[in-house]
Every structure is written in C-alpha cells, then in structure tokens.
Amino acid sequence: MARLVLLRHGESQWNLENRFTGWVDVPLSPRGIQEAKNAGDKLRGLSFDRAFTSVLIRANDTLRLVLEAIGQTQIPIEKDKALNERMYGELQGLNKAETARKYGEAQVRIWRRSYDVKPPGGESLKDTAERVLPYYESKIKPCLSKGETVLVAAHGNSLRALVMELEELSKEQVLELNIPTGVPLLYELDNSGKVISHRYL
C-alpha cells in the first residue's frame, strides 16, 4: 500500500491580503510559516521516500519547514512548474473584494470555482489539470505503484485538479471543493493507484 500526502502551502502574504496570487512568487506570511510547522507536527509518524513541489517559493518553503520539523531533509525533492498554482492572468495581484465589486460577485465566483471558465488572460481549472495530471501520471504515480510514501506540497488549484482525479469528482462537485492551507491530506492507495481511504490529518 502506498501513501500520498497532499499539502497546500501555508498562508501566503497575498492570501493574507486577500489578493489573487497565481504565478506571482509571494512568500509565506508569519501565520503561513506557523501553519507549515504545524503540518510537520501532524506528519511526524510518516517516513517519506520523496517529495514533489512547484517552483514557487510559498510551496518550497512550506515543504522545507515540514521536512525540517520531521527530520527528513535528505529525501529526494523534485520541483516542477507543472504543480504551480493556476495562472490568474489579469486578476493576479488584485484584491478579491475589489474585483468582486468591479466584475460582480457571481462572475468572480465563476472564475475562481468553475471547471472550464478562464479569468481574463489566465487558466481555468481544466487548463491547470491538463498540466498537473500528466505530471502526476508520469512522475508521481510510478513512485506510488512501488509502494512509496510521497509528499506533494503545492497550491489550492493544482491540488484541486489532482483531488478531482483521485476522488473521481464531477465538474459540479469540484466547484465546492476547497483545500485549506497547511492541512495535510493523506491518501492510502493500492498498487494500481486507486484510493482506498483519505482523510485530513
């Protein structure tokens, strides 16, 4: 049996400021640093074989803080932009409340939560899935097929795309899916990659 832990980075400075972040390289907030350390405390019982993360600093720092907390800093780590957050295009850097006033709350909700509607100049969740899932199939799933325990530190939407696949969620179900910052999500999988169980730690 393999174990896969998905971890959304701790709160970033722009999460704190209620801004659309996307591919902008924003650091963790003080609360985000603490969330990452708390995640490490929850993962002390697991021994990881390897880790994967995006190329963005908020995910990298979350992973580093977790591995330091559990004393596993020597495991192989692969960074790839395939795991980056969804690119929010013209919305990046804008305050979410101000954006809702400008475009209407309903439109902003569609941009944030729908499966295949893109914000101006950005990616839909479908676009994000089209880079996350091939990466998962080619890089992460083979490790799980060998029974390894794997940690993925990434972002709200890249992880939503992956959870949608793992849990076989519909386009309608994924609208309501929200992954909290800094809370490990543990999956147990059989050798074929099918989910046996999942829970937040």
N, C-alpha and C. Protein backbone atom coordinates (compact mmCIF):
# COMPACT_ATOMS: atom_id res chain seq x y z
N MET A 1 0.84 -1.21 0.00
CA MET A 1 0.00 0.00 0.00
C MET A 1 0.87 1.26 0.00
N ALA A 2 0.50 2.22 -0.82
CA ALA A 2 1.22 3.48 -0.89
C ALA A 2 0.48 4.56 -0.13
N ARG A 3 1.24 5.57 0.28
CA ARG A 3 0.63 6.72 0.93
C ARG A 3 1.03 7.99 0.17
N LEU A 4 0.06 8.84 -0.04
CA LEU A 4 0.27 10.12 -0.72
C LEU A 4 -0.28 11.22 0.18
N VAL A 5 0.57 12.17 0.52
CA VAL A 5 0.11 13.33 1.30
C VAL A 5 0.13 14.55 0.40
N LEU A 6 -1.02 15.19 0.29
CA LEU A 6 -1.14 16.46 -0.44
C LEU A 6 -1.19 17.59 0.58
N LEU A 7 -0.38 18.60 0.36
CA LEU A 7 -0.31 19.71 1.30
C LEU A 7 -0.32 21.03 0.55
N ARG A 8 -1.38 21.79 0.75
CA ARG A 8 -1.40 23.16 0.22
C ARG A 8 -0.48 24.00 1.10
N HIS A 9 0.31 24.85 0.45
CA HIS A 9 1.23 25.71 1.19
C HIS A 9 0.52 26.47 2.30
N GLY A 10 1.29 26.90 3.29
CA GLY A 10 0.73 27.74 4.34
C GLY A 10 0.28 29.08 3.78
N GLU A 11 -0.45 29.82 4.57
CA GLU A 11 -0.96 31.12 4.12
C GLU A 11 0.18 31.99 3.58
N SER A 12 -0.03 32.55 2.39
CA SER A 12 0.96 33.46 1.81
C SER A 12 0.61 34.90 2.17
N GLN A 13 1.55 35.79 1.90
CA GLN A 13 1.29 37.20 2.21
C GLN A 13 0.08 37.72 1.43
N TRP A 14 -0.09 37.24 0.20
CA TRP A 14 -1.23 37.71 -0.60
C TRP A 14 -2.53 36.98 -0.22
N ASN A 15 -2.44 35.76 0.32
CA ASN A 15 -3.65 35.16 0.92
C ASN A 15 -4.12 36.07 2.05
N LEU A 16 -3.18 36.50 2.85
CA LEU A 16 -3.49 37.38 3.99
C LEU A 16 -4.13 38.68 3.51
N GLU A 17 -3.63 39.21 2.39
CA GLU A 17 -4.13 40.48 1.86
C GLU A 17 -5.33 40.29 0.93
N ASN A 18 -5.80 39.04 0.82
CA ASN A 18 -6.99 38.71 0.01
C ASN A 18 -6.78 39.06 -1.47
N ARG A 19 -5.56 38.76 -1.98
CA ARG A 19 -5.25 39.04 -3.37
C ARG A 19 -5.16 37.74 -4.18
N PHE A 20 -5.47 37.84 -5.48
CA PHE A 20 -5.24 36.73 -6.39
C PHE A 20 -3.73 36.59 -6.60
N THR A 21 -3.20 35.41 -6.36
CA THR A 21 -1.76 35.22 -6.39
C THR A 21 -1.28 34.58 -7.68
N GLY A 22 -1.81 33.40 -8.01
CA GLY A 22 -1.41 32.73 -9.25
C GLY A 22 0.07 32.42 -9.28
N TRP A 23 0.74 32.84 -10.36
CA TRP A 23 2.16 32.53 -10.54
C TRP A 23 3.10 33.56 -9.93
N VAL A 24 2.55 34.61 -9.30
CA VAL A 24 3.42 35.60 -8.65
C VAL A 24 4.09 34.93 -7.45
N ASP A 25 5.38 35.16 -7.31
CA ASP A 25 6.16 34.44 -6.28
C ASP A 25 6.10 35.20 -4.95
N VAL A 26 5.09 34.88 -4.18
CA VAL A 26 4.81 35.59 -2.93
C VAL A 26 5.22 34.71 -1.75
N PRO A 27 5.91 35.27 -0.75
CA PRO A 27 6.36 34.45 0.39
C PRO A 27 5.21 34.12 1.34
N LEU A 28 5.51 33.19 2.26
CA LEU A 28 4.57 32.86 3.32
C LEU A 28 4.42 34.04 4.28
N SER A 29 3.23 34.17 4.84
CA SER A 29 3.01 35.12 5.93
C SER A 29 3.52 34.48 7.22
N PRO A 30 3.66 35.25 8.30
CA PRO A 30 4.03 34.63 9.59
C PRO A 30 3.08 33.49 9.97
N ARG A 31 1.78 33.68 9.74
CA ARG A 31 0.83 32.61 10.03
C ARG A 31 1.10 31.39 9.13
N GLY A 32 1.46 31.64 7.86
CA GLY A 32 1.75 30.55 6.94
C GLY A 32 2.95 29.73 7.37
N ILE A 33 3.96 30.42 7.92
CA ILE A 33 5.14 29.72 8.44
C ILE A 33 4.72 28.80 9.58
N GLN A 34 3.87 29.32 10.47
CA GLN A 34 3.40 28.50 11.59
C GLN A 34 2.54 27.35 11.10
N GLU A 35 1.70 27.58 10.08
CA GLU A 35 0.88 26.50 9.53
C GLU A 35 1.75 25.38 8.99
N ALA A 36 2.85 25.74 8.32
CA ALA A 36 3.76 24.72 7.78
C ALA A 36 4.40 23.91 8.91
N LYS A 37 4.80 24.60 9.97
CA LYS A 37 5.38 23.90 11.12
C LYS A 37 4.35 22.98 11.79
N ASN A 38 3.12 23.46 11.88
CA ASN A 38 2.05 22.63 12.45
C ASN A 38 1.80 21.39 11.59
N ALA A 39 1.87 21.57 10.26
CA ALA A 39 1.71 20.43 9.36
C ALA A 39 2.81 19.40 9.61
N GLY A 40 4.02 19.89 9.83
CA GLY A 40 5.12 18.99 10.16
C GLY A 40 4.83 18.18 11.41
N ASP A 41 4.28 18.83 12.43
CA ASP A 41 3.92 18.13 13.66
C ASP A 41 2.94 16.99 13.39
N LYS A 42 1.99 17.23 12.49
CA LYS A 42 0.98 16.22 12.17
C LYS A 42 1.54 15.07 11.34
N LEU A 43 2.70 15.28 10.70
CA LEU A 43 3.27 14.27 9.81
C LEU A 43 4.43 13.51 10.43
N ARG A 44 4.65 13.69 11.72
CA ARG A 44 5.82 13.07 12.36
C ARG A 44 5.81 11.55 12.28
N GLY A 45 4.64 10.95 12.21
CA GLY A 45 4.59 9.49 12.18
C GLY A 45 4.87 8.86 10.83
N LEU A 46 5.02 9.68 9.79
CA LEU A 46 5.22 9.14 8.44
C LEU A 46 6.68 9.29 8.03
N SER A 47 7.17 8.29 7.31
CA SER A 47 8.52 8.34 6.76
C SER A 47 8.40 8.46 5.24
N PHE A 48 8.79 9.60 4.70
CA PHE A 48 8.62 9.86 3.27
C PHE A 48 9.81 9.36 2.45
N ASP A 49 9.49 8.81 1.28
CA ASP A 49 10.54 8.36 0.36
C ASP A 49 11.00 9.49 -0.55
N ARG A 50 10.07 10.40 -0.89
CA ARG A 50 10.42 11.52 -1.76
C ARG A 50 9.32 12.57 -1.69
N ALA A 51 9.63 13.76 -2.25
CA ALA A 51 8.66 14.85 -2.25
C ALA A 51 8.67 15.55 -3.60
N PHE A 52 7.54 16.14 -3.91
CA PHE A 52 7.37 16.92 -5.14
C PHE A 52 6.78 18.26 -4.76
N THR A 53 7.18 19.32 -5.49
CA THR A 53 6.63 20.64 -5.22
C THR A 53 6.68 21.48 -6.49
N SER A 54 6.01 22.63 -6.44
CA SER A 54 6.05 23.55 -7.57
C SER A 54 7.37 24.32 -7.53
N VAL A 55 7.51 25.29 -8.41
CA VAL A 55 8.73 26.11 -8.40
C VAL A 55 8.52 27.42 -7.61
N LEU A 56 7.35 27.57 -6.99
CA LEU A 56 7.02 28.82 -6.30
C LEU A 56 7.43 28.76 -4.83
N ILE A 57 7.93 29.88 -4.33
CA ILE A 57 8.59 29.90 -3.02
C ILE A 57 7.65 29.54 -1.88
N ARG A 58 6.37 29.88 -1.98
CA ARG A 58 5.47 29.57 -0.85
C ARG A 58 5.29 28.07 -0.67
N ALA A 59 5.32 27.32 -1.78
CA ALA A 59 5.25 25.86 -1.68
C ALA A 59 6.60 25.28 -1.27
N ASN A 60 7.69 25.83 -1.83
CA ASN A 60 9.03 25.36 -1.48
C ASN A 60 9.32 25.55 0.00
N ASP A 61 8.98 26.73 0.53
CA ASP A 61 9.25 27.00 1.94
C ASP A 61 8.37 26.14 2.85
N THR A 62 7.13 25.91 2.43
CA THR A 62 6.26 25.02 3.21
C THR A 62 6.87 23.63 3.30
N LEU A 63 7.32 23.11 2.16
CA LEU A 63 7.94 21.78 2.13
C LEU A 63 9.19 21.76 3.02
N ARG A 64 10.03 22.77 2.89
CA ARG A 64 11.27 22.82 3.69
C ARG A 64 10.96 22.81 5.18
N LEU A 65 10.00 23.62 5.59
CA LEU A 65 9.66 23.71 7.02
C LEU A 65 9.09 22.39 7.54
N VAL A 66 8.28 21.72 6.71
CA VAL A 66 7.73 20.41 7.11
C VAL A 66 8.85 19.39 7.27
N LEU A 67 9.73 19.32 6.28
CA LEU A 67 10.81 18.31 6.33
C LEU A 67 11.78 18.59 7.47
N GLU A 68 12.00 19.87 7.77
CA GLU A 68 12.83 20.20 8.94
C GLU A 68 12.14 19.75 10.22
N ALA A 69 10.85 19.94 10.30
CA ALA A 69 10.10 19.59 11.52
C ALA A 69 10.12 18.09 11.78
N ILE A 70 10.12 17.29 10.70
CA ILE A 70 10.09 15.84 10.87
C ILE A 70 11.47 15.18 10.71
N GLY A 71 12.49 16.01 10.50
CA GLY A 71 13.85 15.50 10.41
C GLY A 71 14.11 14.63 9.18
N GLN A 72 13.49 15.02 8.05
CA GLN A 72 13.66 14.22 6.82
C GLN A 72 14.12 15.11 5.66
N THR A 73 15.11 15.94 5.91
CA THR A 73 15.55 16.92 4.90
C THR A 73 16.39 16.30 3.79
N GLN A 74 16.76 15.03 3.92
CA GLN A 74 17.65 14.42 2.93
C GLN A 74 16.91 13.66 1.82
N ILE A 75 15.58 13.62 1.85
CA ILE A 75 14.85 12.84 0.84
C ILE A 75 14.93 13.56 -0.52
N PRO A 76 14.82 12.81 -1.62
CA PRO A 76 14.82 13.44 -2.95
C PRO A 76 13.60 14.36 -3.11
N ILE A 77 13.86 15.55 -3.68
CA ILE A 77 12.80 16.53 -3.93
C ILE A 77 12.85 16.93 -5.41
N GLU A 78 11.69 16.90 -6.05
CA GLU A 78 11.60 17.34 -7.44
C GLU A 78 10.68 18.55 -7.51
N LYS A 79 11.19 19.63 -8.12
CA LYS A 79 10.40 20.85 -8.31
C LYS A 79 10.01 20.96 -9.78
N ASP A 80 8.74 21.30 -10.03
CA ASP A 80 8.30 21.43 -11.42
C ASP A 80 7.15 22.43 -11.51
N LYS A 81 7.19 23.25 -12.56
CA LYS A 81 6.14 24.25 -12.75
C LYS A 81 4.80 23.61 -13.10
N ALA A 82 4.79 22.32 -13.43
CA ALA A 82 3.52 21.63 -13.68
C ALA A 82 2.63 21.66 -12.44
N LEU A 83 3.26 21.77 -11.25
CA LEU A 83 2.50 21.80 -9.99
C LEU A 83 2.19 23.22 -9.52
N ASN A 84 2.56 24.22 -10.33
CA ASN A 84 2.29 25.60 -9.94
C ASN A 84 0.80 25.86 -9.76
N GLU A 85 0.50 26.92 -9.03
CA GLU A 85 -0.88 27.38 -8.89
C GLU A 85 -1.44 27.72 -10.27
N ARG A 86 -2.74 27.72 -10.35
CA ARG A 86 -3.42 28.19 -11.54
C ARG A 86 -2.98 29.64 -11.83
N MET A 87 -2.77 29.94 -13.10
CA MET A 87 -2.37 31.29 -13.50
C MET A 87 -3.63 32.14 -13.63
N TYR A 88 -3.69 33.22 -12.84
CA TYR A 88 -4.90 34.03 -12.79
C TYR A 88 -4.92 35.21 -13.76
N GLY A 89 -3.89 35.32 -14.61
CA GLY A 89 -3.91 36.32 -15.66
C GLY A 89 -4.04 37.74 -15.13
N GLU A 90 -5.01 38.47 -15.69
CA GLU A 90 -5.18 39.89 -15.33
C GLU A 90 -5.64 40.09 -13.90
N LEU A 91 -6.09 39.03 -13.24
CA LEU A 91 -6.55 39.16 -11.85
C LEU A 91 -5.40 39.10 -10.85
N GLN A 92 -4.23 38.63 -11.28
CA GLN A 92 -3.11 38.46 -10.36
C GLN A 92 -2.75 39.79 -9.70
N GLY A 93 -2.67 39.76 -8.37
CA GLY A 93 -2.34 40.95 -7.61
C GLY A 93 -3.52 41.78 -7.18
N LEU A 94 -4.70 41.52 -7.77
CA LEU A 94 -5.89 42.31 -7.43
C LEU A 94 -6.53 41.80 -6.14
N ASN A 95 -7.06 42.70 -5.37
CA ASN A 95 -7.80 42.34 -4.17
C ASN A 95 -9.11 41.68 -4.58
N LYS A 96 -9.44 40.56 -3.94
CA LYS A 96 -10.62 39.78 -4.35
C LYS A 96 -11.92 40.55 -4.13
N ALA A 97 -12.00 41.30 -3.03
CA ALA A 97 -13.23 42.07 -2.76
C ALA A 97 -13.40 43.18 -3.78
N GLU A 98 -12.29 43.86 -4.12
CA GLU A 98 -12.36 44.93 -5.13
C GLU A 98 -12.74 44.34 -6.49
N THR A 99 -12.19 43.17 -6.80
CA THR A 99 -12.50 42.52 -8.07
C THR A 99 -13.98 42.14 -8.14
N ALA A 100 -14.54 41.69 -7.01
CA ALA A 100 -15.96 41.35 -6.96
C ALA A 100 -16.83 42.59 -7.18
N ARG A 101 -16.40 43.72 -6.62
CA ARG A 101 -17.16 44.96 -6.84
C ARG A 101 -17.10 45.40 -8.29
N LYS A 102 -15.97 45.17 -8.94
CA LYS A 102 -15.78 45.61 -10.32
C LYS A 102 -16.54 44.72 -11.31
N TYR A 103 -16.43 43.39 -11.13
CA TYR A 103 -16.99 42.45 -12.11
C TYR A 103 -18.28 41.77 -11.64
N GLY A 104 -18.59 41.91 -10.34
CA GLY A 104 -19.73 41.23 -9.77
C GLY A 104 -19.31 39.94 -9.08
N GLU A 105 -19.89 39.68 -7.92
CA GLU A 105 -19.52 38.50 -7.14
C GLU A 105 -19.75 37.21 -7.91
N ALA A 106 -20.85 37.15 -8.66
CA ALA A 106 -21.18 35.91 -9.39
C ALA A 106 -20.10 35.60 -10.42
N GLN A 107 -19.64 36.63 -11.15
CA GLN A 107 -18.60 36.41 -12.17
C GLN A 107 -17.29 35.97 -11.53
N VAL A 108 -16.93 36.60 -10.44
CA VAL A 108 -15.67 36.24 -9.77
C VAL A 108 -15.74 34.82 -9.22
N ARG A 109 -16.89 34.45 -8.69
CA ARG A 109 -17.05 33.06 -8.21
C ARG A 109 -16.89 32.07 -9.36
N ILE A 110 -17.43 32.39 -10.51
CA ILE A 110 -17.27 31.50 -11.68
C ILE A 110 -15.80 31.38 -12.05
N TRP A 111 -15.09 32.51 -12.08
CA TRP A 111 -13.66 32.45 -12.41
C TRP A 111 -12.89 31.63 -11.39
N ARG A 112 -13.26 31.75 -10.12
CA ARG A 112 -12.49 31.08 -9.07
C ARG A 112 -12.84 29.60 -8.95
N ARG A 113 -14.10 29.24 -9.14
CA ARG A 113 -14.55 27.90 -8.78
C ARG A 113 -14.98 27.02 -9.95
N SER A 114 -15.25 27.60 -11.10
CA SER A 114 -15.74 26.76 -12.21
C SER A 114 -14.62 25.87 -12.74
N TYR A 115 -14.99 24.91 -13.54
CA TYR A 115 -14.02 23.96 -14.08
C TYR A 115 -13.35 24.48 -15.35
N ASP A 116 -14.12 25.10 -16.24
CA ASP A 116 -13.56 25.39 -17.56
C ASP A 116 -13.71 26.85 -18.02
N VAL A 117 -14.00 27.76 -17.09
CA VAL A 117 -14.07 29.18 -17.44
C VAL A 117 -12.78 29.87 -16.99
N LYS A 118 -12.10 30.54 -17.93
CA LYS A 118 -10.83 31.19 -17.63
C LYS A 118 -11.06 32.64 -17.19
N PRO A 119 -10.30 33.11 -16.19
CA PRO A 119 -10.29 34.55 -15.96
C PRO A 119 -9.53 35.22 -17.11
N PRO A 120 -9.70 36.54 -17.31
CA PRO A 120 -9.04 37.20 -18.43
C PRO A 120 -7.52 36.96 -18.44
N GLY A 121 -7.03 36.36 -19.51
CA GLY A 121 -5.59 36.12 -19.65
C GLY A 121 -5.04 35.01 -18.79
N GLY A 122 -5.92 34.22 -18.15
CA GLY A 122 -5.44 33.20 -17.22
C GLY A 122 -5.87 31.79 -17.58
N GLU A 123 -5.74 30.89 -16.62
CA GLU A 123 -6.06 29.48 -16.79
C GLU A 123 -7.36 29.13 -16.07
N SER A 124 -8.11 28.22 -16.66
CA SER A 124 -9.22 27.58 -15.96
C SER A 124 -8.67 26.41 -15.14
N LEU A 125 -9.51 25.84 -14.29
CA LEU A 125 -9.11 24.63 -13.57
C LEU A 125 -8.82 23.50 -14.56
N LYS A 126 -9.59 23.45 -15.64
CA LYS A 126 -9.35 22.45 -16.68
C LYS A 126 -7.94 22.59 -17.27
N ASP A 127 -7.53 23.84 -17.54
CA ASP A 127 -6.17 24.08 -18.06
C ASP A 127 -5.13 23.63 -17.04
N THR A 128 -5.37 23.93 -15.77
CA THR A 128 -4.44 23.53 -14.72
C THR A 128 -4.33 22.02 -14.66
N ALA A 129 -5.48 21.34 -14.74
CA ALA A 129 -5.49 19.86 -14.71
C ALA A 129 -4.71 19.29 -15.88
N GLU A 130 -4.73 19.97 -17.02
CA GLU A 130 -4.05 19.44 -18.21
C GLU A 130 -2.54 19.47 -18.10
N ARG A 131 -2.00 20.18 -17.10
CA ARG A 131 -0.55 20.07 -16.85
C ARG A 131 -0.26 19.26 -15.59
N VAL A 132 -1.17 19.34 -14.59
CA VAL A 132 -0.95 18.62 -13.33
C VAL A 132 -1.08 17.11 -13.53
N LEU A 133 -2.13 16.67 -14.21
CA LEU A 133 -2.41 15.23 -14.28
C LEU A 133 -1.39 14.44 -15.09
N PRO A 134 -0.92 14.93 -16.25
CA PRO A 134 0.16 14.19 -16.93
C PRO A 134 1.43 14.10 -16.08
N TYR A 135 1.72 15.16 -15.33
CA TYR A 135 2.88 15.13 -14.44
C TYR A 135 2.68 14.08 -13.35
N TYR A 136 1.48 14.05 -12.77
CA TYR A 136 1.17 13.03 -11.75
C TYR A 136 1.34 11.63 -12.33
N GLU A 137 0.80 11.40 -13.51
CA GLU A 137 0.86 10.06 -14.13
C GLU A 137 2.29 9.65 -14.44
N SER A 138 3.11 10.59 -14.89
CA SER A 138 4.47 10.23 -15.33
C SER A 138 5.50 10.24 -14.22
N LYS A 139 5.31 11.08 -13.21
CA LYS A 139 6.35 11.26 -12.18
C LYS A 139 5.96 10.73 -10.80
N ILE A 140 4.72 10.98 -10.38
CA ILE A 140 4.33 10.66 -9.00
C ILE A 140 3.72 9.28 -8.89
N LYS A 141 2.82 8.95 -9.79
CA LYS A 141 2.13 7.66 -9.72
C LYS A 141 3.09 6.46 -9.79
N PRO A 142 4.14 6.51 -10.62
CA PRO A 142 5.09 5.37 -10.61
C PRO A 142 5.73 5.13 -9.24
N CYS A 143 5.97 6.19 -8.48
CA CYS A 143 6.52 6.03 -7.13
C CYS A 143 5.50 5.36 -6.22
N LEU A 144 4.25 5.77 -6.36
CA LEU A 144 3.19 5.17 -5.55
C LEU A 144 2.98 3.70 -5.91
N SER A 145 3.15 3.39 -7.19
CA SER A 145 2.99 1.99 -7.64
C SER A 145 4.03 1.08 -7.01
N LYS A 146 5.15 1.66 -6.58
CA LYS A 146 6.20 0.89 -5.90
C LYS A 146 5.97 0.83 -4.39
N GLY A 147 4.85 1.41 -3.93
CA GLY A 147 4.53 1.38 -2.50
C GLY A 147 5.20 2.47 -1.69
N GLU A 148 5.69 3.51 -2.35
CA GLU A 148 6.39 4.57 -1.63
C GLU A 148 5.41 5.50 -0.91
N THR A 149 5.94 6.25 0.03
CA THR A 149 5.19 7.30 0.72
C THR A 149 5.69 8.64 0.19
N VAL A 150 4.77 9.40 -0.38
CA VAL A 150 5.13 10.60 -1.16
C VAL A 150 4.42 11.82 -0.60
N LEU A 151 5.15 12.93 -0.55
CA LEU A 151 4.60 14.21 -0.11
C LEU A 151 4.60 15.17 -1.29
N VAL A 152 3.44 15.80 -1.55
CA VAL A 152 3.32 16.81 -2.59
C VAL A 152 2.91 18.12 -1.94
N ALA A 153 3.79 19.12 -2.01
CA ALA A 153 3.48 20.46 -1.49
C ALA A 153 3.20 21.36 -2.68
N ALA A 154 1.96 21.83 -2.78
CA ALA A 154 1.60 22.61 -3.95
C ALA A 154 0.57 23.67 -3.58
N HIS A 155 -0.46 23.84 -4.40
CA HIS A 155 -1.34 25.00 -4.32
C HIS A 155 -2.80 24.60 -4.37
N GLY A 156 -3.67 25.54 -4.01
CA GLY A 156 -5.09 25.26 -3.94
C GLY A 156 -5.65 24.65 -5.21
N ASN A 157 -5.35 25.24 -6.36
CA ASN A 157 -5.97 24.76 -7.59
C ASN A 157 -5.22 23.60 -8.24
N SER A 158 -3.91 23.56 -8.14
CA SER A 158 -3.20 22.39 -8.67
C SER A 158 -3.60 21.15 -7.88
N LEU A 159 -3.82 21.32 -6.57
CA LEU A 159 -4.26 20.19 -5.75
C LEU A 159 -5.74 19.87 -5.97
N ARG A 160 -6.57 20.89 -6.22
CA ARG A 160 -7.97 20.61 -6.55
C ARG A 160 -8.06 19.74 -7.80
N ALA A 161 -7.23 20.04 -8.80
CA ALA A 161 -7.22 19.24 -10.03
C ALA A 161 -6.84 17.80 -9.73
N LEU A 162 -5.88 17.61 -8.85
CA LEU A 162 -5.43 16.26 -8.50
C LEU A 162 -6.47 15.52 -7.66
N VAL A 163 -7.06 16.21 -6.70
CA VAL A 163 -8.11 15.59 -5.87
C VAL A 163 -9.31 15.20 -6.73
N MET A 164 -9.65 16.05 -7.68
CA MET A 164 -10.76 15.74 -8.59
C MET A 164 -10.53 14.40 -9.29
N GLU A 165 -9.29 14.17 -9.71
CA GLU A 165 -8.94 12.92 -10.38
C GLU A 165 -8.94 11.75 -9.39
N LEU A 166 -8.29 11.92 -8.25
CA LEU A 166 -8.15 10.84 -7.28
C LEU A 166 -9.51 10.39 -6.73
N GLU A 167 -10.39 11.35 -6.48
CA GLU A 167 -11.68 11.04 -5.87
C GLU A 167 -12.81 10.91 -6.89
N GLU A 168 -12.44 11.03 -8.17
CA GLU A 168 -13.41 10.89 -9.27
C GLU A 168 -14.59 11.84 -9.09
N LEU A 169 -14.27 13.11 -8.82
CA LEU A 169 -15.30 14.12 -8.63
C LEU A 169 -15.81 14.63 -9.97
N SER A 170 -17.06 15.02 -10.02
CA SER A 170 -17.62 15.62 -11.23
C SER A 170 -17.25 17.10 -11.30
N LYS A 171 -17.50 17.70 -12.47
CA LYS A 171 -17.24 19.13 -12.62
C LYS A 171 -18.09 19.94 -11.65
N GLU A 172 -19.27 19.43 -11.32
CA GLU A 172 -20.14 20.12 -10.37
C GLU A 172 -19.61 19.98 -8.94
N GLN A 173 -19.15 18.78 -8.59
CA GLN A 173 -18.64 18.55 -7.24
C GLN A 173 -17.39 19.37 -6.94
N VAL A 174 -16.54 19.54 -7.97
CA VAL A 174 -15.28 20.25 -7.74
C VAL A 174 -15.52 21.73 -7.47
N LEU A 175 -16.68 22.25 -7.85
CA LEU A 175 -17.00 23.65 -7.57
C LEU A 175 -16.97 23.94 -6.08
N GLU A 176 -17.37 22.96 -5.28
CA GLU A 176 -17.47 23.16 -3.82
C GLU A 176 -16.21 22.72 -3.09
N LEU A 177 -15.22 22.23 -3.83
CA LEU A 177 -14.00 21.72 -3.19
C LEU A 177 -13.07 22.86 -2.82
N ASN A 178 -12.76 22.96 -1.55
CA ASN A 178 -11.82 23.96 -1.07
C ASN A 178 -10.77 23.26 -0.21
N ILE A 179 -9.52 23.44 -0.54
CA ILE A 179 -8.44 22.78 0.20
C ILE A 179 -7.79 23.81 1.12
N PRO A 180 -7.84 23.60 2.43
CA PRO A 180 -7.30 24.59 3.37
C PRO A 180 -5.78 24.66 3.33
N THR A 181 -5.24 25.83 3.69
CA THR A 181 -3.78 25.99 3.74
C THR A 181 -3.21 25.23 4.93
N GLY A 182 -2.09 24.56 4.67
CA GLY A 182 -1.31 23.97 5.75
C GLY A 182 -1.90 22.77 6.46
N VAL A 183 -2.89 22.10 5.85
CA VAL A 183 -3.50 20.94 6.49
C VAL A 183 -3.24 19.70 5.63
N PRO A 184 -2.44 18.73 6.11
CA PRO A 184 -2.11 17.57 5.28
C PRO A 184 -3.34 16.70 4.97
N LEU A 185 -3.43 16.28 3.72
CA LEU A 185 -4.50 15.40 3.26
C LEU A 185 -3.84 14.07 2.87
N LEU A 186 -4.14 13.02 3.64
CA LEU A 186 -3.48 11.72 3.47
C LEU A 186 -4.37 10.77 2.67
N TYR A 187 -3.79 10.23 1.60
CA TYR A 187 -4.44 9.18 0.81
C TYR A 187 -3.68 7.87 0.99
N GLU A 188 -4.43 6.78 1.10
CA GLU A 188 -3.85 5.45 1.03
C GLU A 188 -4.34 4.84 -0.28
N LEU A 189 -3.42 4.28 -1.06
CA LEU A 189 -3.73 3.78 -2.39
C LEU A 189 -3.25 2.35 -2.57
N ASP A 190 -3.96 1.61 -3.42
CA ASP A 190 -3.49 0.27 -3.75
C ASP A 190 -2.44 0.37 -4.86
N ASN A 191 -1.91 -0.78 -5.30
CA ASN A 191 -0.81 -0.78 -6.26
C ASN A 191 -1.20 -0.23 -7.63
N SER A 192 -2.51 -0.21 -7.92
CA SER A 192 -2.96 0.34 -9.21
C SER A 192 -3.17 1.84 -9.15
N GLY A 193 -3.02 2.42 -7.95
CA GLY A 193 -3.22 3.85 -7.79
C GLY A 193 -4.63 4.22 -7.38
N LYS A 194 -5.47 3.23 -7.11
CA LYS A 194 -6.85 3.51 -6.69
C LYS A 194 -6.87 3.87 -5.21
N VAL A 195 -7.67 4.87 -4.87
CA VAL A 195 -7.75 5.35 -3.48
C VAL A 195 -8.51 4.36 -2.62
N ILE A 196 -7.88 3.97 -1.52
CA ILE A 196 -8.53 3.10 -0.52
C ILE A 196 -9.21 3.95 0.55
N SER A 197 -8.49 4.99 0.98
CA SER A 197 -9.05 5.88 2.01
C SER A 197 -8.38 7.24 1.90
N HIS A 198 -9.01 8.25 2.46
CA HIS A 198 -8.40 9.57 2.52
C HIS A 198 -8.97 10.34 3.71
N ARG A 199 -8.12 11.17 4.30
CA ARG A 199 -8.55 11.98 5.43
C ARG A 199 -7.57 13.11 5.68
N TYR A 200 -8.09 14.20 6.24
CA TYR A 200 -7.21 15.27 6.70
C TYR A 200 -6.61 14.88 8.05
N LEU A 201 -5.36 15.24 8.24
CA LEU A 201 -4.67 14.93 9.50
C LEU A 201 -4.77 16.11 10.45
